Amino acid sequence: MGFTATRPRALRYVTTLLHHSRYDDTSGRRLHSTAAELLRLAGFVAFDDGQHGLAQRYWVAGLHAAHTAGDRALGANVIGFMSCQAKDLDGGREAVLLAQTARTGYPGASNRVTAILELRAAEAHANDQTATTARRATDIRRSIDAAFDALSTDSPTGDPGWSYWMTTTHAHGQAG
């Protein structure tokens, strides 16, 4: 199936199932979680293509789907992507607030998810021109340290499949 920002066929298929099929509660949660992940991906494709309004609409819909699925990890990931967009659009303070929302909205995050969210927060802090240089440096260091602390300990909860890429090596690349 092709996947573009304006015609995500996989997303259309899942939403058609959600709207026109019968399913039990467990299947409904899985379908909503799948829709949320596809909406996150569609948002990223739109964002990468410079279609920022469309990206925002996909991500907001993804947040709703993640909420319906009860998938707080995925919701935090979507908000993290919204933080990245805000940062790239020179919304440094908004990026920080979104990164903080992602972290506080999912306090039971697995270690990989914690690292992902903390590194996004570090990047947001680095671009927040409303903070003093000293405050930015402190916040960046705190977030980077929290990311590496998370990766250096055993996770009390399982990592979601979408967090597979977060390794210590990748974290060093992002922190750099």
N, C-alpha and C. Protein backbone atom coordinates (compact mmCIF):
# COMPACT_ATOMS: atom_id res chain seq x y z
N MET A 1 0.83 -1.18 0.00
CA MET A 1 0.00 0.00 0.00
C MET A 1 0.87 1.24 0.00
N GLY A 2 0.53 2.19 -0.83
CA GLY A 2 1.28 3.44 -0.86
C GLY A 2 0.92 4.32 0.32
N PHE A 3 1.85 5.20 0.68
CA PHE A 3 1.60 6.08 1.81
C PHE A 3 2.13 7.46 1.48
N THR A 4 1.22 8.37 1.24
CA THR A 4 1.60 9.76 1.02
C THR A 4 0.81 10.62 1.99
N ALA A 5 1.22 11.86 2.12
CA ALA A 5 0.56 12.75 3.09
C ALA A 5 -0.91 12.97 2.75
N THR A 6 -1.25 12.99 1.48
CA THR A 6 -2.62 13.31 1.12
C THR A 6 -3.49 12.08 0.87
N ARG A 7 -2.89 10.91 0.69
CA ARG A 7 -3.67 9.72 0.39
C ARG A 7 -3.16 8.50 1.12
N PRO A 8 -3.23 8.48 2.44
CA PRO A 8 -2.76 7.30 3.17
C PRO A 8 -3.76 6.15 3.07
N ARG A 9 -3.55 5.26 2.12
CA ARG A 9 -4.50 4.18 1.86
C ARG A 9 -4.67 3.26 3.06
N ALA A 10 -3.58 2.96 3.77
CA ALA A 10 -3.69 2.08 4.93
C ALA A 10 -4.57 2.72 5.99
N LEU A 11 -4.43 4.02 6.18
CA LEU A 11 -5.26 4.74 7.14
C LEU A 11 -6.73 4.70 6.72
N ARG A 12 -6.97 4.91 5.46
CA ARG A 12 -8.34 4.87 4.96
C ARG A 12 -8.97 3.49 5.20
N TYR A 13 -8.19 2.46 5.00
CA TYR A 13 -8.67 1.09 5.23
C TYR A 13 -9.06 0.89 6.70
N VAL A 14 -8.17 1.30 7.62
CA VAL A 14 -8.44 1.12 9.05
C VAL A 14 -9.63 1.96 9.49
N THR A 15 -9.71 3.20 9.03
CA THR A 15 -10.86 4.03 9.44
C THR A 15 -12.16 3.51 8.86
N THR A 16 -12.12 2.92 7.69
CA THR A 16 -13.32 2.29 7.12
C THR A 16 -13.75 1.13 8.02
N LEU A 17 -12.80 0.32 8.49
CA LEU A 17 -13.14 -0.75 9.41
C LEU A 17 -13.75 -0.20 10.69
N LEU A 18 -13.17 0.88 11.21
CA LEU A 18 -13.68 1.47 12.44
C LEU A 18 -15.11 1.99 12.29
N HIS A 19 -15.40 2.59 11.15
CA HIS A 19 -16.70 3.22 10.96
C HIS A 19 -17.79 2.27 10.44
N HIS A 20 -17.40 1.21 9.75
CA HIS A 20 -18.41 0.40 9.08
C HIS A 20 -18.40 -1.07 9.46
N SER A 21 -17.63 -1.44 10.45
CA SER A 21 -17.56 -2.85 10.85
C SER A 21 -17.97 -3.01 12.30
N ARG A 22 -18.24 -4.24 12.66
CA ARG A 22 -18.51 -4.58 14.05
C ARG A 22 -17.28 -5.28 14.60
N TYR A 23 -16.96 -4.96 15.85
CA TYR A 23 -15.80 -5.57 16.48
C TYR A 23 -15.98 -5.50 17.99
N ASP A 24 -15.27 -6.37 18.69
CA ASP A 24 -15.36 -6.35 20.15
C ASP A 24 -14.44 -5.25 20.69
N ASP A 25 -14.49 -5.06 22.01
CA ASP A 25 -13.74 -3.97 22.65
C ASP A 25 -12.22 -4.10 22.42
N THR A 26 -11.71 -5.30 22.54
CA THR A 26 -10.27 -5.52 22.35
C THR A 26 -9.86 -5.19 20.91
N SER A 27 -10.63 -5.67 19.95
CA SER A 27 -10.33 -5.36 18.55
C SER A 27 -10.48 -3.88 18.28
N GLY A 28 -11.46 -3.24 18.89
CA GLY A 28 -11.65 -1.80 18.72
C GLY A 28 -10.45 -1.01 19.22
N ARG A 29 -9.92 -1.41 20.38
CA ARG A 29 -8.72 -0.72 20.89
C ARG A 29 -7.54 -0.91 19.95
N ARG A 30 -7.39 -2.11 19.44
CA ARG A 30 -6.28 -2.38 18.52
C ARG A 30 -6.44 -1.59 17.22
N LEU A 31 -7.67 -1.52 16.72
CA LEU A 31 -7.91 -0.73 15.51
C LEU A 31 -7.63 0.76 15.75
N HIS A 32 -8.08 1.28 16.90
CA HIS A 32 -7.81 2.69 17.21
C HIS A 32 -6.32 2.94 17.39
N SER A 33 -5.62 2.00 18.00
CA SER A 33 -4.18 2.15 18.17
C SER A 33 -3.48 2.13 16.81
N THR A 34 -3.93 1.25 15.94
CA THR A 34 -3.37 1.20 14.58
C THR A 34 -3.65 2.49 13.84
N ALA A 35 -4.87 2.99 13.97
CA ALA A 35 -5.22 4.27 13.33
C ALA A 35 -4.34 5.39 13.88
N ALA A 36 -4.12 5.40 15.20
CA ALA A 36 -3.28 6.44 15.80
C ALA A 36 -1.86 6.39 15.24
N GLU A 37 -1.32 5.20 15.11
CA GLU A 37 0.05 5.08 14.57
C GLU A 37 0.09 5.50 13.10
N LEU A 38 -0.92 5.13 12.34
CA LEU A 38 -0.96 5.54 10.93
C LEU A 38 -1.14 7.06 10.82
N LEU A 39 -1.93 7.64 11.71
CA LEU A 39 -2.10 9.10 11.71
C LEU A 39 -0.80 9.80 12.10
N ARG A 40 -0.05 9.21 13.04
CA ARG A 40 1.25 9.76 13.40
C ARG A 40 2.18 9.74 12.18
N LEU A 41 2.19 8.63 11.50
CA LEU A 41 3.04 8.51 10.30
C LEU A 41 2.60 9.47 9.21
N ALA A 42 1.29 9.57 8.99
CA ALA A 42 0.77 10.50 7.98
C ALA A 42 1.15 11.92 8.35
N GLY A 43 1.07 12.25 9.64
CA GLY A 43 1.49 13.57 10.10
C GLY A 43 2.95 13.82 9.83
N PHE A 44 3.77 12.81 10.07
CA PHE A 44 5.20 12.99 9.82
C PHE A 44 5.47 13.19 8.33
N VAL A 45 4.80 12.42 7.48
CA VAL A 45 4.99 12.56 6.03
C VAL A 45 4.57 13.97 5.60
N ALA A 46 3.44 14.44 6.10
CA ALA A 46 2.97 15.79 5.76
C ALA A 46 3.95 16.84 6.28
N PHE A 47 4.41 16.68 7.51
CA PHE A 47 5.38 17.59 8.10
C PHE A 47 6.65 17.64 7.27
N ASP A 48 7.15 16.46 6.90
CA ASP A 48 8.38 16.37 6.11
C ASP A 48 8.21 17.00 4.73
N ASP A 49 6.96 17.03 4.25
CA ASP A 49 6.65 17.61 2.95
C ASP A 49 6.32 19.10 3.05
N GLY A 50 6.40 19.66 4.26
CA GLY A 50 6.12 21.08 4.46
C GLY A 50 4.65 21.43 4.56
N GLN A 51 3.80 20.42 4.69
CA GLN A 51 2.36 20.65 4.82
C GLN A 51 2.01 20.66 6.32
N HIS A 52 2.37 21.74 6.98
CA HIS A 52 2.30 21.79 8.43
C HIS A 52 0.88 21.76 8.99
N GLY A 53 -0.05 22.40 8.34
CA GLY A 53 -1.44 22.35 8.80
C GLY A 53 -2.00 20.94 8.71
N LEU A 54 -1.71 20.26 7.61
CA LEU A 54 -2.17 18.88 7.43
C LEU A 54 -1.52 17.98 8.47
N ALA A 55 -0.25 18.17 8.72
CA ALA A 55 0.45 17.38 9.75
C ALA A 55 -0.24 17.55 11.10
N GLN A 56 -0.56 18.79 11.42
CA GLN A 56 -1.21 19.08 12.70
C GLN A 56 -2.56 18.37 12.79
N ARG A 57 -3.33 18.40 11.71
CA ARG A 57 -4.64 17.75 11.72
C ARG A 57 -4.49 16.23 11.91
N TYR A 58 -3.53 15.63 11.23
CA TYR A 58 -3.30 14.20 11.40
C TYR A 58 -2.90 13.89 12.84
N TRP A 59 -2.01 14.70 13.41
CA TRP A 59 -1.55 14.43 14.77
C TRP A 59 -2.65 14.62 15.81
N VAL A 60 -3.48 15.61 15.63
CA VAL A 60 -4.59 15.80 16.58
C VAL A 60 -5.55 14.60 16.48
N ALA A 61 -5.84 14.17 15.27
CA ALA A 61 -6.68 12.99 15.11
C ALA A 61 -5.99 11.76 15.70
N GLY A 62 -4.68 11.67 15.54
CA GLY A 62 -3.92 10.57 16.13
C GLY A 62 -3.99 10.57 17.65
N LEU A 63 -3.97 11.76 18.24
CA LEU A 63 -4.12 11.86 19.69
C LEU A 63 -5.48 11.34 20.14
N HIS A 64 -6.51 11.70 19.41
CA HIS A 64 -7.86 11.21 19.73
C HIS A 64 -7.93 9.69 19.62
N ALA A 65 -7.34 9.15 18.56
CA ALA A 65 -7.36 7.70 18.37
C ALA A 65 -6.55 6.99 19.45
N ALA A 66 -5.40 7.54 19.81
CA ALA A 66 -4.58 6.94 20.88
C ALA A 66 -5.34 6.97 22.20
N HIS A 67 -6.04 8.08 22.46
CA HIS A 67 -6.83 8.19 23.68
C HIS A 67 -7.93 7.13 23.70
N THR A 68 -8.64 6.98 22.58
CA THR A 68 -9.71 5.99 22.50
C THR A 68 -9.16 4.58 22.70
N ALA A 69 -7.95 4.35 22.20
CA ALA A 69 -7.31 3.04 22.35
C ALA A 69 -6.75 2.83 23.75
N GLY A 70 -6.65 3.91 24.53
CA GLY A 70 -6.03 3.81 25.84
C GLY A 70 -4.52 3.65 25.75
N ASP A 71 -3.93 4.12 24.67
CA ASP A 71 -2.50 3.96 24.41
C ASP A 71 -1.77 5.25 24.75
N ARG A 72 -1.42 5.41 26.02
CA ARG A 72 -0.76 6.64 26.47
C ARG A 72 0.63 6.80 25.88
N ALA A 73 1.32 5.69 25.66
CA ALA A 73 2.66 5.76 25.08
C ALA A 73 2.60 6.37 23.68
N LEU A 74 1.67 5.89 22.89
CA LEU A 74 1.53 6.41 21.52
C LEU A 74 1.08 7.86 21.54
N GLY A 75 0.18 8.21 22.46
CA GLY A 75 -0.23 9.61 22.60
C GLY A 75 0.97 10.51 22.93
N ALA A 76 1.83 10.05 23.83
CA ALA A 76 3.03 10.81 24.18
C ALA A 76 3.95 10.94 22.96
N ASN A 77 4.04 9.89 22.17
CA ASN A 77 4.87 9.93 20.96
C ASN A 77 4.33 10.95 19.97
N VAL A 78 3.03 10.98 19.79
CA VAL A 78 2.41 11.95 18.88
C VAL A 78 2.69 13.37 19.36
N ILE A 79 2.52 13.62 20.65
CA ILE A 79 2.80 14.95 21.18
C ILE A 79 4.27 15.29 21.02
N GLY A 80 5.14 14.29 21.14
CA GLY A 80 6.56 14.52 20.89
C GLY A 80 6.84 14.97 19.47
N PHE A 81 6.12 14.39 18.51
CA PHE A 81 6.27 14.83 17.12
C PHE A 81 5.75 16.25 16.94
N MET A 82 4.68 16.58 17.65
CA MET A 82 4.16 17.95 17.59
C MET A 82 5.20 18.93 18.16
N SER A 83 5.92 18.50 19.17
CA SER A 83 7.00 19.33 19.73
C SER A 83 8.09 19.55 18.69
N CYS A 84 8.45 18.50 17.97
CA CYS A 84 9.47 18.63 16.92
C CYS A 84 9.02 19.62 15.85
N GLN A 85 7.76 19.57 15.48
CA GLN A 85 7.23 20.50 14.49
C GLN A 85 7.31 21.93 15.01
N ALA A 86 6.88 22.13 16.25
CA ALA A 86 6.92 23.48 16.83
C ALA A 86 8.35 24.01 16.84
N LYS A 87 9.29 23.17 17.20
CA LYS A 87 10.70 23.57 17.21
C LYS A 87 11.15 23.99 15.82
N ASP A 88 10.80 23.20 14.83
CA ASP A 88 11.23 23.50 13.46
C ASP A 88 10.56 24.75 12.90
N LEU A 89 9.42 25.12 13.47
CA LEU A 89 8.71 26.32 13.00
C LEU A 89 9.02 27.52 13.90
N ASP A 90 10.14 27.45 14.61
CA ASP A 90 10.60 28.53 15.50
C ASP A 90 9.67 28.80 16.66
N GLY A 91 8.97 27.80 17.09
CA GLY A 91 8.12 27.92 18.28
C GLY A 91 8.80 27.26 19.45
N GLY A 92 9.96 27.78 19.83
CA GLY A 92 10.77 27.16 20.88
C GLY A 92 10.03 26.92 22.17
N ARG A 93 9.32 27.93 22.67
CA ARG A 93 8.61 27.78 23.93
C ARG A 93 7.47 26.77 23.79
N GLU A 94 6.75 26.82 22.67
CA GLU A 94 5.68 25.85 22.43
C GLU A 94 6.25 24.43 22.36
N ALA A 95 7.42 24.29 21.74
CA ALA A 95 8.07 22.98 21.65
C ALA A 95 8.39 22.44 23.04
N VAL A 96 8.88 23.32 23.91
CA VAL A 96 9.19 22.91 25.29
C VAL A 96 7.91 22.47 26.00
N LEU A 97 6.85 23.24 25.87
CA LEU A 97 5.59 22.90 26.54
C LEU A 97 5.02 21.58 26.04
N LEU A 98 5.10 21.35 24.74
CA LEU A 98 4.63 20.08 24.18
C LEU A 98 5.49 18.92 24.67
N ALA A 99 6.81 19.11 24.70
CA ALA A 99 7.71 18.05 25.19
C ALA A 99 7.41 17.74 26.66
N GLN A 100 7.18 18.76 27.45
CA GLN A 100 6.84 18.55 28.86
C GLN A 100 5.50 17.84 28.99
N THR A 101 4.55 18.18 28.16
CA THR A 101 3.25 17.53 28.18
C THR A 101 3.39 16.05 27.84
N ALA A 102 4.21 15.75 26.85
CA ALA A 102 4.43 14.35 26.47
C ALA A 102 5.03 13.57 27.64
N ARG A 103 5.99 14.16 28.34
CA ARG A 103 6.64 13.46 29.46
C ARG A 103 5.69 13.29 30.64
N THR A 104 4.98 14.35 31.00
CA THR A 104 4.11 14.26 32.17
C THR A 104 2.82 13.49 31.88
N GLY A 105 2.42 13.44 30.63
CA GLY A 105 1.21 12.72 30.27
C GLY A 105 1.39 11.22 30.24
N TYR A 106 2.63 10.76 30.33
CA TYR A 106 2.91 9.33 30.32
C TYR A 106 4.00 9.03 31.34
N PRO A 107 3.65 9.17 32.63
CA PRO A 107 4.66 9.00 33.68
C PRO A 107 5.19 7.58 33.81
N GLY A 108 4.48 6.59 33.35
CA GLY A 108 4.93 5.21 33.45
C GLY A 108 5.66 4.72 32.21
N ALA A 109 6.30 5.63 31.51
CA ALA A 109 6.94 5.30 30.24
C ALA A 109 8.04 4.25 30.43
N SER A 110 8.18 3.41 29.44
CA SER A 110 9.30 2.46 29.43
C SER A 110 10.59 3.26 29.26
N ASN A 111 11.70 2.61 29.45
CA ASN A 111 12.98 3.30 29.37
C ASN A 111 13.25 3.88 27.98
N ARG A 112 12.94 3.13 26.95
CA ARG A 112 13.17 3.66 25.60
C ARG A 112 12.28 4.86 25.31
N VAL A 113 11.02 4.76 25.70
CA VAL A 113 10.10 5.89 25.48
C VAL A 113 10.55 7.09 26.31
N THR A 114 10.97 6.86 27.54
CA THR A 114 11.49 7.95 28.36
C THR A 114 12.66 8.62 27.66
N ALA A 115 13.58 7.83 27.13
CA ALA A 115 14.74 8.40 26.43
C ALA A 115 14.32 9.21 25.21
N ILE A 116 13.37 8.69 24.44
CA ILE A 116 12.89 9.41 23.26
C ILE A 116 12.30 10.75 23.68
N LEU A 117 11.44 10.73 24.69
CA LEU A 117 10.78 11.97 25.12
C LEU A 117 11.77 12.95 25.73
N GLU A 118 12.73 12.47 26.48
CA GLU A 118 13.72 13.35 27.08
C GLU A 118 14.62 13.98 26.02
N LEU A 119 14.99 13.22 25.01
CA LEU A 119 15.83 13.80 23.95
C LEU A 119 15.06 14.81 23.11
N ARG A 120 13.78 14.58 22.92
CA ARG A 120 12.96 15.59 22.24
C ARG A 120 12.87 16.85 23.09
N ALA A 121 12.76 16.67 24.41
CA ALA A 121 12.72 17.83 25.31
C ALA A 121 14.05 18.58 25.26
N ALA A 122 15.16 17.86 25.22
CA ALA A 122 16.47 18.52 25.14
C ALA A 122 16.57 19.37 23.88
N GLU A 123 16.10 18.84 22.78
CA GLU A 123 16.13 19.58 21.51
C GLU A 123 15.22 20.81 21.58
N ALA A 124 14.06 20.65 22.21
CA ALA A 124 13.15 21.79 22.37
C ALA A 124 13.80 22.87 23.24
N HIS A 125 14.40 22.47 24.34
CA HIS A 125 15.08 23.44 25.21
C HIS A 125 16.19 24.17 24.46
N ALA A 126 16.91 23.45 23.63
CA ALA A 126 18.01 24.06 22.88
C ALA A 126 17.53 25.16 21.94
N ASN A 127 16.28 25.07 21.53
CA ASN A 127 15.73 26.03 20.58
C ASN A 127 14.82 27.07 21.21
N ASP A 128 14.70 27.04 22.53
CA ASP A 128 13.82 27.97 23.24
C ASP A 128 14.55 29.29 23.50
N GLN A 129 14.31 30.25 22.66
CA GLN A 129 14.98 31.54 22.79
C GLN A 129 14.36 32.42 23.87
N THR A 130 13.27 31.96 24.50
CA THR A 130 12.68 32.74 25.59
C THR A 130 13.40 32.49 26.91
N ALA A 131 14.18 31.43 26.98
CA ALA A 131 14.92 31.11 28.20
C ALA A 131 16.32 31.71 28.13
N THR A 132 16.90 31.96 29.29
CA THR A 132 18.28 32.46 29.33
C THR A 132 19.22 31.36 28.88
N THR A 133 20.41 31.72 28.49
CA THR A 133 21.41 30.75 28.06
C THR A 133 21.69 29.75 29.17
N ALA A 134 21.82 30.23 30.39
CA ALA A 134 22.10 29.34 31.52
C ALA A 134 20.93 28.38 31.77
N ARG A 135 19.71 28.89 31.68
CA ARG A 135 18.52 28.04 31.88
C ARG A 135 18.44 26.98 30.80
N ARG A 136 18.70 27.39 29.54
CA ARG A 136 18.68 26.42 28.43
C ARG A 136 19.70 25.32 28.67
N ALA A 137 20.92 25.72 29.04
CA ALA A 137 21.99 24.73 29.26
C ALA A 137 21.61 23.74 30.36
N THR A 138 21.05 24.25 31.44
CA THR A 138 20.63 23.40 32.55
C THR A 138 19.54 22.43 32.11
N ASP A 139 18.54 22.93 31.41
CA ASP A 139 17.42 22.09 30.98
C ASP A 139 17.86 21.05 29.96
N ILE A 140 18.74 21.44 29.05
CA ILE A 140 19.25 20.50 28.05
C ILE A 140 20.01 19.37 28.74
N ARG A 141 20.92 19.74 29.64
CA ARG A 141 21.73 18.74 30.35
C ARG A 141 20.84 17.81 31.17
N ARG A 142 19.85 18.36 31.85
CA ARG A 142 18.95 17.54 32.67
C ARG A 142 18.21 16.53 31.79
N SER A 143 17.72 16.97 30.64
CA SER A 143 16.99 16.06 29.75
C SER A 143 17.90 14.99 29.16
N ILE A 144 19.09 15.38 28.75
CA ILE A 144 20.04 14.39 28.19
C ILE A 144 20.43 13.38 29.26
N ASP A 145 20.73 13.86 30.46
CA ASP A 145 21.08 12.94 31.55
C ASP A 145 19.94 11.97 31.84
N ALA A 146 18.70 12.49 31.86
CA ALA A 146 17.54 11.63 32.12
C ALA A 146 17.38 10.57 31.02
N ALA A 147 17.66 10.94 29.78
CA ALA A 147 17.58 9.98 28.67
C ALA A 147 18.59 8.85 28.85
N PHE A 148 19.83 9.21 29.16
CA PHE A 148 20.86 8.18 29.32
C PHE A 148 20.65 7.36 30.59
N ASP A 149 20.13 7.99 31.65
CA ASP A 149 19.79 7.23 32.86
C ASP A 149 18.73 6.18 32.54
N ALA A 150 17.74 6.57 31.77
CA ALA A 150 16.67 5.64 31.41
C ALA A 150 17.22 4.46 30.61
N LEU A 151 18.12 4.74 29.68
CA LEU A 151 18.66 3.67 28.84
C LEU A 151 19.63 2.77 29.59
N SER A 152 20.15 3.22 30.72
CA SER A 152 21.15 2.43 31.44
C SER A 152 20.54 1.50 32.50
N THR A 153 19.23 1.55 32.68
CA THR A 153 18.58 0.69 33.67
C THR A 153 17.58 -0.23 32.99
N ASP A 154 17.24 -1.30 33.70
CA ASP A 154 16.24 -2.22 33.18
C ASP A 154 14.87 -1.57 33.22
N SER A 155 14.10 -1.79 32.20
CA SER A 155 12.78 -1.18 32.10
C SER A 155 11.75 -1.98 32.89
N PRO A 156 11.00 -1.30 33.78
CA PRO A 156 9.97 -2.01 34.53
C PRO A 156 8.75 -2.35 33.66
N THR A 157 8.60 -1.68 32.54
CA THR A 157 7.49 -1.96 31.63
C THR A 157 8.04 -2.28 30.26
N GLY A 158 7.25 -2.94 29.45
CA GLY A 158 7.69 -3.30 28.12
C GLY A 158 7.76 -2.09 27.20
N ASP A 159 8.68 -2.16 26.27
CA ASP A 159 8.83 -1.09 25.29
C ASP A 159 7.83 -1.31 24.15
N PRO A 160 7.13 -0.24 23.72
CA PRO A 160 6.26 -0.40 22.55
C PRO A 160 7.12 -0.68 21.31
N GLY A 161 6.54 -1.38 20.37
CA GLY A 161 7.28 -1.75 19.17
C GLY A 161 7.88 -0.58 18.42
N TRP A 162 7.19 0.57 18.41
CA TRP A 162 7.67 1.72 17.65
C TRP A 162 8.90 2.37 18.25
N SER A 163 9.31 1.94 19.46
CA SER A 163 10.49 2.55 20.10
C SER A 163 11.76 1.75 19.87
N TYR A 164 11.70 0.73 19.00
CA TYR A 164 12.82 -0.18 18.76
C TYR A 164 14.13 0.53 18.43
N TRP A 165 14.05 1.66 17.78
CA TRP A 165 15.23 2.34 17.26
C TRP A 165 16.03 3.08 18.32
N MET A 166 15.45 3.31 19.49
CA MET A 166 16.16 4.08 20.51
C MET A 166 17.17 3.18 21.23
N THR A 167 18.42 3.40 20.92
CA THR A 167 19.52 2.69 21.56
C THR A 167 20.48 3.73 22.13
N THR A 168 21.41 3.29 22.93
CA THR A 168 22.40 4.21 23.48
C THR A 168 23.17 4.89 22.35
N THR A 169 23.50 4.15 21.31
CA THR A 169 24.22 4.73 20.17
C THR A 169 23.40 5.83 19.51
N HIS A 170 22.13 5.56 19.28
CA HIS A 170 21.27 6.57 18.67
C HIS A 170 21.12 7.79 19.59
N ALA A 171 21.01 7.52 20.89
CA ALA A 171 20.89 8.62 21.85
C ALA A 171 22.12 9.51 21.82
N HIS A 172 23.31 8.91 21.69
CA HIS A 172 24.53 9.72 21.57
C HIS A 172 24.49 10.59 20.32
N GLY A 173 23.99 10.03 19.23
CA GLY A 173 23.87 10.80 17.98
C GLY A 173 22.91 11.97 18.14
N GLN A 174 21.79 11.75 18.77
CA GLN A 174 20.82 12.82 18.98
C GLN A 174 21.35 13.87 19.96
N ALA A 175 21.99 13.41 21.01
CA ALA A 175 22.52 14.36 22.01
C ALA A 175 23.61 15.23 21.40
N GLY A 176 24.35 14.65 20.45
CA GLY A 176 25.42 15.42 19.80
C GLY A 176 24.86 16.52 18.97
